[in-house]
């Protein structure tokens, strides 16, 4: 199968150059002109895809060559872009910045090469004129396999300034596809972990995306950008499919026997028909303003495994969805909404009751905090005998992790790549049965496995290990 969806990668020399404004604005401007736009984001960012979804009306999807492996980047892209007219991929950090100490791995340049996509370089042109040519020449020539097909100049001061920049760039041979005037920044407020998510802003987020679209439409050559997108090379291979991914993944490991028990017969799993998940088995997934971090593929994998995925909002809903057999609580900002979460005592008790009854619960980062005894002194669910608090220290980076304890999510010994991103501390950092072990950046274990609960700071992408979704649903069936 060949995917020929036109596509562009929006990159920059460094963070803060304006690529989020340009990428989101371009998505919205093209959508307003009738294009079906597929939005993508390089790396583990959860917040930008929310703005992308608002701009396009489609699910924003991540392309992470570290979490999922380079081999899944093109299939995941083709899955998300299926049926679209054009795809816009927003990069991460600077064009050539990837996983620390891993060369080009997971950089915007790496993903652009995997997608055979041309790159548009967004350059902050403030405080420079002729020097812009040297900067762009460096990025164009650094890796001949990366095709920089155009430049968009940002923070241009005047017509004269724009003329000087365009004249300088003529010698580089890369066309200028847009120039955005220096202006008051679009209202996209930030806090301790980046932009405030769309789900928390409502109408102001819509206004912000509209403003980005107007700036890009006024300052960029949309026809030239679409023509460049159409020059992307064909991608060979099938798009990712949740059902096919589950079918091709190995079955979940057999449960670890208790001390003194006879080891199970490894061939017994082959006897008889494979049990089917009954219709109507509900896996509740936390959402709303406090829990906005999730990958769309997780819900797709749970559904493919036989679960009915039902969203609920811990800020508003006083009970779990009817028939809940398992619970997924992803990342977000419970520290911002600690008072409201604590005040919803009815739901806290329902979550605690479900977890203490042995039902599978997968909690990542924000979910970990919510399951603690308290957060910044306010009562939480009390499932874990641990307390959480805000910290001045930012913990950030990719992790190579191995499951230390057998759990509803992963069998002991399962290896997964993960990402950690928080300004909170949980004390103690691990339980009697830790969730994950890591060697870098320091050797440690972290997280909690107890009854059906798997709670950890680490964010994982289940497309890299689809068996965890099947294992989780099967544990929901049998718990």
Protein backbone atom coordinates (compact mmCIF):
# COMPACT_ATOMS: atom_id res chain seq x y z
CA UNK A 1 0.00 0.00 0.00
CA UNK A 2 1.25 3.49 -0.82
CA UNK A 3 0.26 6.64 1.06
CA UNK A 4 0.57 9.83 -0.96
CA UNK A 5 -1.14 12.30 1.38
CA UNK A 6 0.50 15.71 0.80
CA UNK A 7 2.42 16.73 3.93
CA UNK A 8 4.63 19.38 5.44
CA UNK A 9 6.79 19.48 8.56
CA UNK A 10 6.87 22.84 10.33
CA UNK A 11 10.23 23.18 12.09
CA UNK A 12 12.42 25.89 13.59
CA UNK A 13 16.03 26.50 14.60
CA UNK A 14 15.00 26.50 18.27
CA UNK A 15 12.04 26.58 20.61
CA UNK A 16 10.30 29.94 20.82
CA UNK A 17 10.67 30.73 17.12
CA UNK A 18 6.92 30.58 16.46
CA UNK A 19 6.38 27.12 14.97
CA UNK A 20 3.27 26.42 17.10
CA UNK A 21 1.65 29.64 15.87
CA UNK A 22 2.56 28.86 12.26
CA UNK A 23 1.62 25.16 12.37
CA UNK A 24 -1.69 25.69 14.16
CA UNK A 25 -2.51 28.75 12.06
CA UNK A 26 -1.73 26.89 8.85
CA UNK A 27 -3.93 23.97 9.89
CA UNK A 28 -6.82 26.32 10.64
CA UNK A 29 -6.31 28.45 7.52
CA UNK A 30 -6.30 25.40 5.24
CA UNK A 31 -9.33 23.93 7.04
CA UNK A 32 -11.19 27.20 6.48
CA UNK A 33 -10.52 26.82 2.76
CA UNK A 34 -12.14 23.41 2.64
CA UNK A 35 -9.14 21.13 3.06
CA UNK A 36 -9.42 18.06 5.27
CA UNK A 37 -6.28 18.61 7.34
CA UNK A 38 -4.58 15.88 9.36
CA UNK A 39 -2.77 17.36 12.39
CA UNK A 40 0.36 15.80 13.89
CA UNK A 41 2.98 16.70 16.50
CA UNK A 42 6.52 15.37 16.79
CA UNK A 43 7.39 14.08 20.24
CA UNK A 44 5.47 13.41 23.45
CA UNK A 45 3.69 16.79 23.69
CA UNK A 46 0.03 16.47 24.77
CA UNK A 47 -0.94 20.16 24.74
CA UNK A 48 -0.23 21.31 21.17
CA UNK A 49 -2.36 18.48 19.69
CA UNK A 50 -5.34 19.94 21.53
CA UNK A 51 -4.93 23.20 19.64
CA UNK A 52 -4.38 21.24 16.44
CA UNK A 53 -7.68 19.42 16.99
CA UNK A 54 -9.44 22.73 17.48
CA UNK A 55 -7.91 24.03 14.25
CA UNK A 56 -8.87 21.02 12.11
CA UNK A 57 -11.80 19.24 13.76
CA UNK A 58 -9.74 16.03 13.77
CA UNK A 59 -7.85 14.21 16.51
CA UNK A 60 -4.33 15.57 16.98
CA UNK A 61 -1.83 12.71 16.89
CA UNK A 62 1.77 12.38 18.05
CA UNK A 63 4.67 10.95 16.06
CA UNK A 64 7.40 9.88 18.48
CA UNK A 65 10.31 7.85 17.12
CA UNK A 66 11.61 7.21 20.64
CA UNK A 67 8.43 6.03 22.34
CA UNK A 68 7.11 4.03 19.38
CA UNK A 69 10.26 3.30 17.42
CA UNK A 70 11.16 4.70 13.98
CA UNK A 71 9.37 1.82 12.28
CA UNK A 72 5.95 2.99 13.55
CA UNK A 73 6.22 6.67 12.57
CA UNK A 74 5.05 6.27 8.97
CA UNK A 75 2.28 3.71 9.79
CA UNK A 76 0.91 5.91 12.60
CA UNK A 77 1.04 8.93 10.30
CA UNK A 78 -0.82 7.06 7.53
CA UNK A 79 -3.43 5.93 10.06
CA UNK A 80 -4.11 9.47 11.22
CA UNK A 81 -3.96 11.02 7.74
CA UNK A 82 -6.23 8.47 6.09
CA UNK A 83 -8.82 10.26 3.91
CA UNK A 84 -7.26 13.72 4.33
CA UNK A 85 -6.25 16.24 1.67
CA UNK A 86 -3.10 17.45 3.41
CA UNK A 87 -1.19 16.85 6.64
CA UNK A 88 0.69 19.38 8.75
CA UNK A 89 3.28 18.07 11.21
CA UNK A 90 4.52 20.43 13.92
CA UNK A 91 8.08 19.75 15.01
CA UNK A 92 9.61 19.80 18.47
CA UNK A 93 12.40 22.03 19.81
CA UNK A 94 15.03 22.82 17.16
CA UNK A 95 15.02 20.93 13.86
CA UNK A 96 17.93 18.66 14.78
CA UNK A 97 17.27 18.30 18.53
CA UNK A 98 16.36 14.73 19.51
CA UNK A 99 16.54 12.38 22.47
CA UNK A 100 19.51 13.33 24.67
CA UNK A 101 22.61 11.38 23.75
CA UNK A 102 20.81 9.48 20.96
CA UNK A 103 21.91 11.44 17.90
CA UNK A 104 19.05 12.31 15.57
CA UNK A 105 16.60 9.86 17.19
CA UNK A 106 13.14 11.42 17.70
CA UNK A 107 14.20 14.80 16.32
CA UNK A 108 12.02 16.72 13.90
CA UNK A 109 14.61 16.06 11.20
CA UNK A 110 14.45 12.31 11.89
CA UNK A 111 10.66 12.26 11.61
CA UNK A 112 10.74 14.37 8.44
CA UNK A 113 13.06 11.82 6.83
CA UNK A 114 10.89 8.91 7.95
CA UNK A 115 7.88 10.67 6.40
CA UNK A 116 9.75 11.73 3.24
CA UNK A 117 8.28 15.16 3.91
CA UNK A 118 9.60 18.62 3.01
CA UNK A 119 10.40 20.95 5.91
CA UNK A 120 9.33 24.56 6.30
CA UNK A 121 11.72 26.42 8.61
CA UNK A 122 10.15 29.10 10.82
CA UNK A 123 12.82 31.69 11.64
CA UNK A 124 12.61 34.36 14.30
CA UNK A 125 13.94 37.24 12.21
CA UNK A 126 13.95 39.87 14.96
CA UNK A 127 17.28 41.61 15.53
CA UNK A 128 18.88 40.33 12.34
CA UNK A 129 18.92 40.96 8.60
CA UNK A 130 21.70 39.53 6.40
CA UNK A 131 22.70 37.03 9.10
CA UNK A 132 19.47 35.16 8.46
CA UNK A 133 21.08 33.75 5.32
CA UNK A 134 23.92 32.18 7.30
CA UNK A 135 21.48 30.68 9.78
CA UNK A 136 19.24 29.17 7.11
CA UNK A 137 22.22 27.97 5.05
CA UNK A 138 23.50 26.10 8.10
CA UNK A 139 20.21 24.31 8.66
CA UNK A 140 19.80 23.51 4.97
CA UNK A 141 23.29 22.05 4.56
CA UNK A 142 23.67 20.23 7.91
CA UNK A 143 21.92 17.05 6.73
CA UNK A 144 21.51 16.60 2.96
CA UNK A 145 18.74 14.02 3.56
CA UNK A 146 16.53 16.71 5.14
CA UNK A 147 14.81 18.77 2.44
CA UNK A 148 14.15 22.31 3.64
CA UNK A 149 11.65 23.43 1.04
CA UNK A 150 10.91 26.92 2.30
CA UNK A 151 11.25 29.51 5.03
CA UNK A 152 8.63 31.50 6.93
CA UNK A 153 10.01 34.63 8.54
CA UNK A 154 8.50 35.50 11.91
CA UNK A 155 8.59 38.76 13.89
CA UNK A 156 9.42 40.88 10.86
CA UNK A 157 9.55 44.57 11.85
CA UNK A 158 8.63 46.38 8.61
CA UNK A 159 8.46 46.24 4.82
CA UNK A 160 12.09 47.38 4.69
CA UNK A 161 13.14 44.68 7.14
CA UNK A 162 11.32 42.07 5.07
CA UNK A 163 13.05 43.27 1.92
CA UNK A 164 16.48 42.94 3.51
CA UNK A 165 15.69 39.43 4.73
CA UNK A 166 14.37 38.27 1.35
CA UNK A 167 17.40 39.74 -0.45
CA UNK A 168 19.78 37.92 1.89
CA UNK A 169 17.97 34.61 1.46
CA UNK A 170 18.13 34.73 -2.35
CA UNK A 171 21.72 33.46 -2.13
CA UNK A 172 20.62 30.39 -0.15
CA UNK A 173 18.18 29.22 -2.80
CA UNK A 174 15.35 28.46 -0.38
CA UNK A 175 12.09 30.28 -1.16
CA UNK A 176 10.46 32.54 1.39
CA UNK A 177 6.91 31.24 1.74
CA UNK A 178 5.70 33.77 4.28
CA UNK A 179 6.55 36.73 6.48
CA UNK A 180 4.67 37.41 9.70
CA UNK A 181 4.87 40.90 11.13
CA UNK A 182 6.05 41.53 14.65
CA UNK A 183 2.88 41.92 16.67
CA UNK A 184 1.41 41.29 20.07
CA UNK A 185 1.60 37.53 20.66
CA UNK A 186 -1.56 35.52 20.21
CA UNK A 187 -3.11 34.96 23.62
CA UNK A 188 -1.93 31.46 24.54
CA UNK A 189 -1.20 31.57 28.28
CA UNK A 190 1.43 29.30 29.78
CA UNK A 191 2.22 27.91 33.21
CA UNK A 192 4.59 25.39 34.82
CA UNK A 193 4.40 22.69 32.09
CA UNK A 194 3.76 24.82 28.98
CA UNK A 195 0.63 26.16 27.30
CA UNK A 196 -2.69 25.95 29.12
CA UNK A 197 -4.62 23.11 27.41
CA UNK A 198 -7.57 23.80 25.15
CA UNK A 199 -9.97 21.93 27.46
CA UNK A 200 -9.34 24.49 30.19
CA UNK A 201 -9.80 27.62 28.07
CA UNK A 202 -13.03 27.20 26.09
CA UNK A 203 -13.92 30.21 23.92
CA UNK A 204 -10.56 32.00 24.40
CA UNK A 205 -8.81 28.98 22.85
CA UNK A 206 -11.10 29.24 19.80
CA UNK A 207 -10.26 32.94 19.53
CA UNK A 208 -6.54 32.16 19.78
CA UNK A 209 -6.69 29.61 16.95
CA UNK A 210 -8.71 32.04 14.81
CA UNK A 211 -6.06 34.70 15.40
CA UNK A 212 -3.28 32.29 14.40
CA UNK A 213 -5.18 31.38 11.23
CA UNK A 214 -5.64 35.04 10.30
CA UNK A 215 -1.95 35.81 10.75
CA UNK A 216 -0.85 32.85 8.63
CA UNK A 217 -3.44 33.51 5.91
CA UNK A 218 -2.39 37.17 5.71
CA UNK A 219 1.36 36.57 5.79
CA UNK A 220 1.93 33.27 3.99
CA UNK A 221 1.54 31.94 0.46
CA UNK A 222 -0.94 29.13 1.15
CA UNK A 223 -0.93 27.94 -2.46
CA UNK A 224 2.85 27.59 -2.42
CA UNK A 225 2.73 25.73 0.89
CA UNK A 226 0.16 23.26 -0.46
CA UNK A 227 2.25 22.80 -3.63
CA UNK A 228 5.29 22.03 -1.46
CA UNK A 229 3.24 19.53 0.56
CA UNK A 230 2.27 17.78 -2.67
CA UNK A 231 5.96 17.26 -3.49
CA UNK A 232 6.38 14.82 -0.58
CA UNK A 233 7.56 11.37 -1.59
CA UNK A 234 5.26 8.33 -1.42
CA UNK A 235 5.17 6.26 1.77
CA UNK A 236 5.12 2.52 1.26
CA UNK A 237 3.38 0.20 3.69
CA UNK A 238 0.02 -0.08 5.40
CA UNK A 239 -1.31 2.40 7.89
CA UNK A 240 -1.39 1.35 11.52
CA UNK A 241 -4.57 -0.45 12.61
CA UNK A 242 -5.43 -1.19 16.25
CA UNK A 243 -7.03 -4.55 15.52
CA UNK A 244 -4.14 -5.72 13.36
CA UNK A 245 -1.64 -4.49 15.95
CA UNK A 246 -3.35 -6.57 18.64
CA UNK A 247 -3.53 -9.62 16.39
CA UNK A 248 0.18 -9.47 15.65
CA UNK A 249 1.32 -8.78 19.23
CA UNK A 250 2.28 -11.71 21.47
CA UNK A 251 -0.25 -12.83 24.08
CA UNK A 252 0.18 -11.36 27.55
CA UNK A 253 2.53 -13.30 29.84
CA UNK A 254 1.01 -15.85 32.16
CA UNK A 255 0.49 -14.57 35.73
CA UNK A 256 3.50 -14.94 37.99
CA UNK A 257 2.78 -17.84 40.39
CA UNK A 258 2.80 -17.22 44.12
CA UNK A 259 5.67 -18.63 46.15
CA UNK A 260 5.37 -22.39 46.54
CA UNK A 261 2.78 -22.86 43.81
CA UNK A 262 3.38 -25.20 40.89
CA UNK A 263 4.43 -23.31 37.77
CA UNK A 264 1.71 -23.15 35.12
CA UNK A 265 2.02 -25.28 32.03
CA UNK A 266 3.14 -22.84 29.29
CA UNK A 267 1.25 -24.89 26.68
CA UNK A 268 -2.05 -24.69 28.53
CA UNK A 269 -2.72 -21.29 26.97
CA UNK A 270 -3.01 -23.03 23.61
CA UNK A 271 -5.77 -25.40 24.74
CA UNK A 272 -9.33 -24.59 23.73
CA UNK A 273 -10.78 -21.44 22.23
CA UNK A 274 -9.43 -18.05 23.26
CA UNK A 275 -11.84 -16.37 25.73
CA UNK A 276 -13.74 -13.39 24.33
CA UNK A 277 -14.41 -10.17 26.16
CA UNK A 278 -18.17 -9.93 26.78
CA UNK A 279 -20.13 -7.15 25.13
CA UNK A 280 -20.58 -4.05 27.23
CA UNK A 281 -17.40 -4.37 29.30
CA UNK A 282 -16.73 -0.73 30.21
CA UNK A 283 -13.31 0.82 30.60
CA UNK A 284 -13.74 4.32 31.99
CA UNK A 285 -11.18 6.91 30.85
CA UNK A 286 -10.69 10.11 32.83
CA UNK A 287 -10.99 13.35 30.87
CA UNK A 288 -12.12 16.92 31.39
CA UNK A 289 -9.93 19.88 32.24
CA UNK A 290 -7.84 18.08 34.89
CA UNK A 291 -6.91 15.04 32.78
CA UNK A 292 -6.16 16.16 29.23
CA UNK A 293 -3.08 14.06 28.42
CA UNK A 294 -3.76 10.95 26.36
CA UNK A 295 -2.86 9.33 23.07
CA UNK A 296 -5.78 8.58 20.76
CA UNK A 297 -4.33 5.15 19.97
CA UNK A 298 -4.87 4.02 23.58
CA UNK A 299 -8.65 4.25 23.31
CA UNK A 300 -8.50 2.65 19.86
CA UNK A 301 -6.52 -0.30 21.23
CA UNK A 302 -8.88 -0.74 24.19
CA UNK A 303 -11.85 -0.75 21.79
CA UNK A 304 -10.13 -3.23 19.48
CA UNK A 305 -9.50 -5.46 22.50
CA UNK A 306 -13.24 -5.57 23.15
CA UNK A 307 -13.84 -2.80 25.67
CA UNK A 308 -16.47 -0.10 25.52
CA UNK A 309 -14.46 3.04 26.23
CA UNK A 310 -16.47 5.63 28.17
CA UNK A 311 -15.08 9.04 29.13
CA UNK A 312 -15.87 10.71 32.46
CA UNK A 313 -14.84 13.98 34.09
CA UNK A 314 -13.53 13.72 37.68
CA UNK A 315 -14.28 17.42 38.17
CA UNK A 316 -17.99 17.06 37.39
CA UNK A 317 -19.15 13.44 37.50
CA UNK A 318 -20.04 12.13 40.94
CA UNK A 319 -20.05 8.47 39.91
CA UNK A 320 -18.08 6.28 37.54
CA UNK A 321 -19.80 5.24 34.30
CA UNK A 322 -22.29 2.44 34.80
CA UNK A 323 -20.71 -0.99 34.53
CA UNK A 324 -17.11 0.22 34.90
CA UNK A 325 -14.80 -2.80 35.01
CA UNK A 326 -11.51 -0.94 34.59
CA UNK A 327 -10.19 2.57 34.87
CA UNK A 328 -7.58 4.55 32.92
CA UNK A 329 -6.43 7.87 34.40
CA UNK A 330 -3.88 9.61 32.22
CA UNK A 331 -1.88 12.77 32.62
CA UNK A 332 -2.93 16.37 33.11
CA UNK A 333 -3.03 19.01 35.81
CA UNK A 334 -4.66 17.71 39.00
CA UNK A 335 -2.43 20.11 40.96
CA UNK A 336 -4.31 23.03 39.34
CA UNK A 337 -7.69 21.51 40.21
CA UNK A 338 -6.81 19.90 43.52
CA UNK A 339 -9.57 21.73 45.42
CA UNK A 340 -12.30 20.70 42.96
CA UNK A 341 -11.06 17.12 42.75
CA UNK A 342 -10.93 16.88 46.52
CA UNK A 343 -14.41 18.36 46.85
CA UNK A 344 -15.88 15.62 44.63
CA UNK A 345 -15.89 13.16 47.53
CA UNK A 346 -18.47 10.87 45.95
CA UNK A 347 -16.29 10.13 42.93
CA UNK A 348 -13.15 9.77 45.05
CA UNK A 349 -14.90 7.09 47.08
CA UNK A 350 -16.12 5.36 43.91
CA UNK A 351 -12.58 5.25 42.49
CA UNK A 352 -11.20 3.97 45.79
CA UNK A 353 -13.90 1.31 45.99
CA UNK A 354 -13.22 0.11 42.46
CA UNK A 355 -9.45 -0.04 43.02
CA UNK A 356 -9.63 -1.67 46.44
CA UNK A 357 -12.02 -4.24 44.99
CA UNK A 358 -9.24 -5.39 42.64
CA UNK A 359 -10.44 -3.86 39.36
CA UNK A 360 -7.63 -2.93 36.92
CA UNK A 361 -6.57 0.72 37.14
CA UNK A 362 -3.87 2.22 34.90
CA UNK A 363 -2.71 5.62 36.17
CA UNK A 364 -0.04 7.80 34.61
CA UNK A 365 1.43 10.92 36.23
CA UNK A 366 -1.71 12.95 37.00
CA UNK A 367 -3.53 9.68 37.61
CA UNK A 368 -0.82 8.72 40.10
CA UNK A 369 -1.37 11.97 42.01
CA UNK A 370 -5.14 11.46 42.03
CA UNK A 371 -4.77 8.01 43.57
CA UNK A 372 -2.55 9.29 46.39
CA UNK A 373 -3.72 9.91 49.92
CA UNK A 374 -3.38 13.68 49.45
CA UNK A 375 -2.18 16.31 46.98
CA UNK A 376 -0.79 19.53 48.42
CA UNK A 377 -2.54 18.67 51.69
CA UNK A 378 -5.95 18.07 50.12
CA UNK A 379 -7.57 14.61 50.30
CA UNK A 380 -7.47 12.55 47.11
CA UNK A 381 -8.66 8.98 46.49
CA UNK A 382 -6.45 7.33 49.10
CA UNK A 383 -5.81 4.24 47.02
CA UNK A 384 -2.04 4.61 47.51
CA UNK A 385 -0.40 5.22 50.87
CA UNK A 386 1.56 8.16 49.50
CA UNK A 387 1.32 11.94 49.44
CA UNK A 388 1.97 14.28 46.53
CA UNK A 389 3.01 17.92 46.42
CA UNK A 390 4.12 20.57 43.97
CA UNK A 391 7.87 21.08 43.56
CA UNK A 392 10.16 23.71 42.03
CA UNK A 393 12.13 20.99 40.26
CA UNK A 394 11.19 19.98 36.72
CA UNK A 395 11.63 16.29 35.98
CA UNK A 396 11.79 15.83 32.22
CA UNK A 397 13.11 13.28 29.77
CA UNK A 398 12.77 10.03 27.92
CA UNK A 399 13.14 6.82 29.91
CA UNK A 400 13.96 3.22 29.03
CA UNK A 401 11.92 1.23 31.54
CA UNK A 402 11.28 -2.39 32.48
CA UNK A 403 8.24 -3.61 34.42
CA UNK A 404 9.49 -4.72 37.84
CA UNK A 405 6.23 -6.27 39.06
CA UNK A 406 3.54 -8.28 37.35
CA UNK A 407 0.47 -6.06 36.94
CA UNK A 408 -2.82 -5.68 35.11
CA UNK A 409 -1.00 -3.53 32.56
CA UNK A 410 2.29 -5.31 31.97
CA UNK A 411 3.94 -8.58 32.86
CA UNK A 412 7.16 -8.41 34.85
CA UNK A 413 10.07 -8.00 32.45
CA UNK A 414 8.09 -6.06 29.84
CA UNK A 415 10.30 -3.35 28.38
CA UNK A 416 8.79 -0.06 27.28
CA UNK A 417 10.14 3.34 26.41
CA UNK A 418 8.50 6.16 28.30
CA UNK A 419 8.52 9.90 28.95
CA UNK A 420 8.54 11.71 32.29
CA UNK A 421 7.37 15.32 32.65
CA UNK A 422 6.25 16.83 35.97
CA UNK A 423 6.88 19.40 38.70
CA UNK A 424 5.48 17.32 41.53
CA UNK A 425 6.90 14.85 44.02
CA UNK A 426 5.26 11.69 45.39
CA UNK A 427 6.52 10.38 48.73
CA UNK A 428 7.37 7.56 48.87
CA UNK A 429 8.28 7.30 45.20
CA UNK A 430 7.52 3.61 44.98
CA UNK A 431 5.58 0.92 46.80
CA UNK A 432 6.48 -2.55 48.01
CA UNK A 433 5.90 -3.71 44.44
CA UNK A 434 7.27 -0.95 42.16
CA UNK A 435 5.89 -0.39 38.67
CA UNK A 436 9.03 0.34 36.67
CA UNK A 437 12.79 0.11 36.95
CA UNK A 438 15.25 2.35 35.08
CA UNK A 439 19.02 2.67 34.74
CA UNK A 440 19.16 6.25 33.48
CA UNK A 441 19.40 9.10 34.23
CA UNK A 442 19.91 7.33 37.56
CA UNK A 443 19.33 3.74 38.62
CA UNK A 444 15.97 3.61 40.39
CA UNK A 445 12.56 2.04 40.70
CA UNK A 446 9.34 4.02 40.80
CA UNK A 447 5.57 3.68 40.88
CA UNK A 448 3.13 1.32 42.54
CA UNK A 449 1.58 -2.05 41.75
CA UNK A 450 -1.05 -3.26 44.21
CA UNK A 451 -4.13 -5.36 43.57
CA UNK A 452 -5.19 -4.28 40.05
CA UNK A 453 -3.53 -0.85 40.24
CA UNK A 454 -0.57 0.17 38.09
CA UNK A 455 0.36 3.78 38.96
CA UNK A 456 3.46 5.60 37.77
CA UNK A 457 4.88 8.94 36.69
CA UNK A 458 5.89 7.47 33.32
CA UNK A 459 3.87 8.17 30.19
CA UNK A 460 3.96 5.31 27.68
CA UNK A 461 2.60 4.92 24.16
CA UNK A 462 0.69 1.65 23.92
CA UNK A 463 1.11 1.41 20.13
CA UNK A 464 4.70 0.36 20.86
CA UNK A 465 3.44 -2.60 22.94
CA UNK A 466 -0.20 -3.29 21.98
CA UNK A 467 -0.33 -6.33 24.22
CA UNK A 468 -0.69 -4.10 27.28
CA UNK A 469 -4.15 -3.00 26.09
CA UNK A 470 -5.26 -6.58 25.52
CA UNK A 471 -3.84 -7.64 28.88
CA UNK A 472 -5.65 -4.78 30.61
CA UNK A 473 -9.00 -5.65 29.02
CA UNK A 474 -8.59 -9.34 29.81
CA UNK A 475 -7.85 -8.49 33.43
CA UNK A 476 -11.00 -6.36 33.45
CA UNK A 477 -12.91 -9.41 32.30
CA UNK A 478 -11.51 -11.72 34.96
CA UNK A 479 -11.18 -9.43 37.97
